[in-house]
Amino acid sequence: MTVRFVLDASIVITWAMGGEAHPLADSALVALQTGSAAVPAIFWYEIRNILVLNERRGRIDPSDSTQFLADLDEFDIKANFPQDSGACIALARKHALSVYDSAYLALAIHERLPLATLNRTLAAAAAIEGIPSLV
């Protein structure tokens, strides 16, 4: 069965960082191998920023970051742009989220898709909004 879901950067970065496995991240990786993910445009910048920060901390080598991004490009992950910035701000205010995190929630609501995230605040907001978690 092909699954489509909204993929949060908190899930993806566990794939890049050794020793940070999580059952939900593992499930998302399995789902993505045969399915597809929607992401807000900020996703691609967020992933790169997290990788660079971890390079500076000595947790990952730049060559590993480059390879990880190349591997990530092999998956069916599409940036989706029809988000209403007013919805993002409203969700951020309502659930005490960053606007960046609310972009994932707004996309899940707009597309009526489950959300894969390790961010507890975002997951709780999604549940309140009736958005299921990818299990």
C-alpha atoms as a PDB file:
ATOM      1  CA  MET A   1       0.000   0.000   0.000  1.00  0.00           C
ATOM      2  CA  THR A   2       1.347   3.419  -0.975  1.00  0.00           C
ATOM      3  CA  VAL A   3       1.282   5.946   1.839  1.00  0.00           C
ATOM      4  CA  ARG A   4       1.400   9.722   1.488  1.00  0.00           C
ATOM      5  CA  PHE A   5       2.136  11.882   4.511  1.00  0.00           C
ATOM      6  CA  VAL A   6       3.639  15.157   5.695  1.00  0.00           C
ATOM      7  CA  LEU A   7       7.238  14.650   6.739  1.00  0.00           C
ATOM      8  CA  ASP A   8       8.814  16.825   9.433  1.00  0.00           C
ATOM      9  CA  ALA A   9      12.547  17.568   9.619  1.00  0.00           C
ATOM     10  CA  SER A  10      12.708  16.119  13.143  1.00  0.00           C
ATOM     11  CA  ILE A  11      12.058  12.689  11.641  1.00  0.00           C
ATOM     12  CA  VAL A  12      14.519  13.034   8.776  1.00  0.00           C
ATOM     13  CA  ILE A  13      17.435  14.236  10.854  1.00  0.00           C
ATOM     14  CA  THR A  14      17.342  11.037  12.932  1.00  0.00           C
ATOM     15  CA  TRP A  15      18.186   9.184   9.714  1.00  0.00           C
ATOM     16  CA  ALA A  16      21.327  11.278   9.279  1.00  0.00           C
ATOM     17  CA  MET A  17      22.556  11.150  12.854  1.00  0.00           C
ATOM     18  CA  GLY A  18      23.909   7.816  14.027  1.00  0.00           C
ATOM     19  CA  GLY A  19      22.579   6.572  17.334  1.00  0.00           C
ATOM     20  CA  GLU A  20      19.390   8.621  17.240  1.00  0.00           C
ATOM     21  CA  ALA A  21      17.009   5.940  15.982  1.00  0.00           C
ATOM     22  CA  HIS A  22      13.357   6.284  16.910  1.00  0.00           C
ATOM     23  CA  PRO A  23      10.499   3.875  16.101  1.00  0.00           C
ATOM     24  CA  LEU A  24       8.401   6.617  14.461  1.00  0.00           C
ATOM     25  CA  ALA A  25      11.364   7.734  12.342  1.00  0.00           C
ATOM     26  CA  ASP A  26      11.936   4.112  11.361  1.00  0.00           C
ATOM     27  CA  SER A  27       8.259   3.741  10.385  1.00  0.00           C
ATOM     28  CA  ALA A  28       8.407   6.933   8.324  1.00  0.00           C
ATOM     29  CA  LEU A  29      11.489   5.671   6.491  1.00  0.00           C
ATOM     30  CA  VAL A  30       9.744   2.391   5.669  1.00  0.00           C
ATOM     31  CA  ALA A  31       6.631   4.279   4.495  1.00  0.00           C
ATOM     32  CA  LEU A  32       8.721   6.603   2.344  1.00  0.00           C
ATOM     33  CA  GLN A  33      10.472   3.711   0.603  1.00  0.00           C
ATOM     34  CA  THR A  34       7.228   2.862  -1.217  1.00  0.00           C
ATOM     35  CA  GLY A  35       5.210   6.023  -0.616  1.00  0.00           C
ATOM     36  CA  SER A  36       5.612   9.767  -0.854  1.00  0.00           C
ATOM     37  CA  ALA A  37       5.866  12.752   1.425  1.00  0.00           C
ATOM     38  CA  ALA A  38       4.741  16.339   1.225  1.00  0.00           C
ATOM     39  CA  VAL A  39       6.818  19.016   2.917  1.00  0.00           C
ATOM     40  CA  PRO A  40       6.620  22.786   3.220  1.00  0.00           C
ATOM     41  CA  ALA A  41       9.359  24.615   1.324  1.00  0.00           C
ATOM     42  CA  ILE A  42      11.147  25.436   4.591  1.00  0.00           C
ATOM     43  CA  PHE A  43      11.914  21.716   4.991  1.00  0.00           C
ATOM     44  CA  TRP A  44      14.877  21.722   2.600  1.00  0.00           C
ATOM     45  CA  TYR A  45      16.481  24.702   4.348  1.00  0.00           C
ATOM     46  CA  GLU A  46      15.748  23.269   7.780  1.00  0.00           C
ATOM     47  CA  ILE A  47      17.444  19.952   6.955  1.00  0.00           C
ATOM     48  CA  ARG A  48      20.524  21.689   5.594  1.00  0.00           C
ATOM     49  CA  ASN A  49      20.700  23.994   8.603  1.00  0.00           C
ATOM     50  CA  ILE A  50      20.491  21.085  11.050  1.00  0.00           C
ATOM     51  CA  LEU A  51      23.212  19.235   9.153  1.00  0.00           C
ATOM     52  CA  VAL A  52      25.534  22.255   9.157  1.00  0.00           C
ATOM     53  CA  LEU A  53      24.947  22.850  12.871  1.00  0.00           C
ATOM     54  CA  ASN A  54      25.829  19.232  13.574  1.00  0.00           C
ATOM     55  CA  GLU A  55      28.933  19.501  11.383  1.00  0.00           C
ATOM     56  CA  ARG A  56      30.071  22.440  13.527  1.00  0.00           C
ATOM     57  CA  ARG A  57      29.507  20.350  16.656  1.00  0.00           C
ATOM     58  CA  GLY A  58      31.580  17.539  15.179  1.00  0.00           C
ATOM     59  CA  ARG A  59      28.654  15.107  15.126  1.00  0.00           C
ATOM     60  CA  ILE A  60      28.698  14.579  11.347  1.00  0.00           C
ATOM     61  CA  ASP A  61      31.282  15.109   8.615  1.00  0.00           C
ATOM     62  CA  PRO A  62      30.518  17.460   5.704  1.00  0.00           C
ATOM     63  CA  SER A  63      30.997  14.554   3.286  1.00  0.00           C
ATOM     64  CA  ASP A  64      28.384  12.557   5.213  1.00  0.00           C
ATOM     65  CA  SER A  65      25.990  15.515   5.036  1.00  0.00           C
ATOM     66  CA  THR A  66      26.500  15.742   1.288  1.00  0.00           C
ATOM     67  CA  GLN A  67      25.896  12.010   0.867  1.00  0.00           C
ATOM     68  CA  PHE A  68      22.818  12.146   3.108  1.00  0.00           C
ATOM     69  CA  LEU A  69      21.298  14.923   0.987  1.00  0.00           C
ATOM     70  CA  ALA A  70      21.997  12.934  -2.173  1.00  0.00           C
ATOM     71  CA  ASP A  71      20.339   9.879  -0.620  1.00  0.00           C
ATOM     72  CA  LEU A  72      17.374  11.990   0.476  1.00  0.00           C
ATOM     73  CA  ASP A  73      16.908  13.175  -3.111  1.00  0.00           C
ATOM     74  CA  GLU A  74      16.169   9.562  -4.087  1.00  0.00           C
ATOM     75  CA  PHE A  75      12.887   9.617  -2.158  1.00  0.00           C
ATOM     76  CA  ASP A  76       9.587  10.994  -3.402  1.00  0.00           C
ATOM     77  CA  ILE A  77       9.511  14.149  -1.258  1.00  0.00           C
ATOM     78  CA  LYS A  78       7.729  17.109  -2.811  1.00  0.00           C
ATOM     79  CA  ALA A  79       7.596  20.659  -1.517  1.00  0.00           C
ATOM     80  CA  ASN A  80       4.043  21.919  -1.470  1.00  0.00           C
ATOM     81  CA  PHE A  81       3.391  25.653  -1.687  1.00  0.00           C
ATOM     82  CA  PRO A  82      -0.368  26.321  -1.429  1.00  0.00           C
ATOM     83  CA  GLN A  83      -0.157  27.166   2.248  1.00  0.00           C
ATOM     84  CA  ASP A  84      -1.952  30.212   3.504  1.00  0.00           C
ATOM     85  CA  SER A  85       0.492  32.249   5.592  1.00  0.00           C
ATOM     86  CA  GLY A  86      -2.460  33.441   7.666  1.00  0.00           C
ATOM     87  CA  ALA A  87      -3.227  29.829   8.553  1.00  0.00           C
ATOM     88  CA  CYS A  88       0.390  29.271   9.609  1.00  0.00           C
ATOM     89  CA  ILE A  89       0.344  32.292  11.881  1.00  0.00           C
ATOM     90  CA  ALA A  90      -3.047  31.382  13.328  1.00  0.00           C
ATOM     91  CA  LEU A  91      -1.898  27.834  14.071  1.00  0.00           C
ATOM     92  CA  ALA A  92       1.343  29.114  15.586  1.00  0.00           C
ATOM     93  CA  ARG A  93      -0.596  31.414  17.893  1.00  0.00           C
ATOM     94  CA  LYS A  94      -3.238  28.843  18.797  1.00  0.00           C
ATOM     95  CA  HIS A  95      -0.785  26.058  19.649  1.00  0.00           C
ATOM     96  CA  ALA A  96       2.319  28.023  20.739  1.00  0.00           C
ATOM     97  CA  LEU A  97       4.293  26.705  17.743  1.00  0.00           C
ATOM     98  CA  SER A  98       6.968  28.407  15.721  1.00  0.00           C
ATOM     99  CA  VAL A  99       5.689  29.541  12.339  1.00  0.00           C
ATOM    100  CA  TYR A 100       8.138  27.045  10.853  1.00  0.00           C
ATOM    101  CA  ASP A 101       6.543  24.153  12.747  1.00  0.00           C
ATOM    102  CA  SER A 102       3.050  25.418  12.019  1.00  0.00           C
ATOM    103  CA  ALA A 103       3.874  25.207   8.285  1.00  0.00           C
ATOM    104  CA  TYR A 104       4.000  21.411   8.629  1.00  0.00           C
ATOM    105  CA  LEU A 105       0.668  21.383  10.450  1.00  0.00           C
ATOM    106  CA  ALA A 106      -0.960  23.752   7.959  1.00  0.00           C
ATOM    107  CA  LEU A 107       0.193  21.519   5.120  1.00  0.00           C
ATOM    108  CA  ALA A 108      -1.162  18.387   6.824  1.00  0.00           C
ATOM    109  CA  ILE A 109      -4.505  20.120   7.346  1.00  0.00           C
ATOM    110  CA  HIS A 110      -4.613  21.470   3.780  1.00  0.00           C
ATOM    111  CA  GLU A 111      -3.722  18.114   2.211  1.00  0.00           C
ATOM    112  CA  ARG A 112      -5.623  16.018   4.777  1.00  0.00           C
ATOM    113  CA  LEU A 113      -2.537  13.894   5.376  1.00  0.00           C
ATOM    114  CA  PRO A 114      -1.068  12.262   8.472  1.00  0.00           C
ATOM    115  CA  LEU A 115       1.966  13.946   9.997  1.00  0.00           C
ATOM    116  CA  ALA A 116       5.279  12.298  10.885  1.00  0.00           C
ATOM    117  CA  THR A 117       7.042  14.337  13.566  1.00  0.00           C
ATOM    118  CA  LEU A 118       9.051  13.808  16.732  1.00  0.00           C
ATOM    119  CA  ASN A 119       8.215  17.317  17.936  1.00  0.00           C
ATOM    120  CA  ARG A 120       5.869  16.717  20.879  1.00  0.00           C
ATOM    121  CA  THR A 121       4.292  20.162  20.738  1.00  0.00           C
ATOM    122  CA  LEU A 122       3.631  19.821  17.017  1.00  0.00           C
ATOM    123  CA  ALA A 123       2.253  16.289  17.457  1.00  0.00           C
ATOM    124  CA  ALA A 124      -0.089  17.497  20.215  1.00  0.00           C
ATOM    125  CA  ALA A 125      -1.291  20.396  18.052  1.00  0.00           C
ATOM    126  CA  ALA A 126      -1.888  17.994  15.160  1.00  0.00           C
ATOM    127  CA  ALA A 127      -3.966  15.743  17.401  1.00  0.00           C
ATOM    128  CA  ILE A 128      -6.070  18.711  18.527  1.00  0.00           C
ATOM    129  CA  GLU A 129      -6.593  19.636  14.882  1.00  0.00           C
ATOM    130  CA  GLY A 130      -7.666  16.080  14.052  1.00  0.00           C
ATOM    131  CA  ILE A 131      -4.523  15.224  12.078  1.00  0.00           C
ATOM    132  CA  PRO A 132      -3.395  11.654  12.678  1.00  0.00           C
ATOM    133  CA  SER A 133       0.198  10.718  13.292  1.00  0.00           C
ATOM    134  CA  LEU A 134       1.904   8.428  10.840  1.00  0.00           C
ATOM    135  CA  VAL A 135       2.166   5.125  12.702  1.00  0.00           C
END
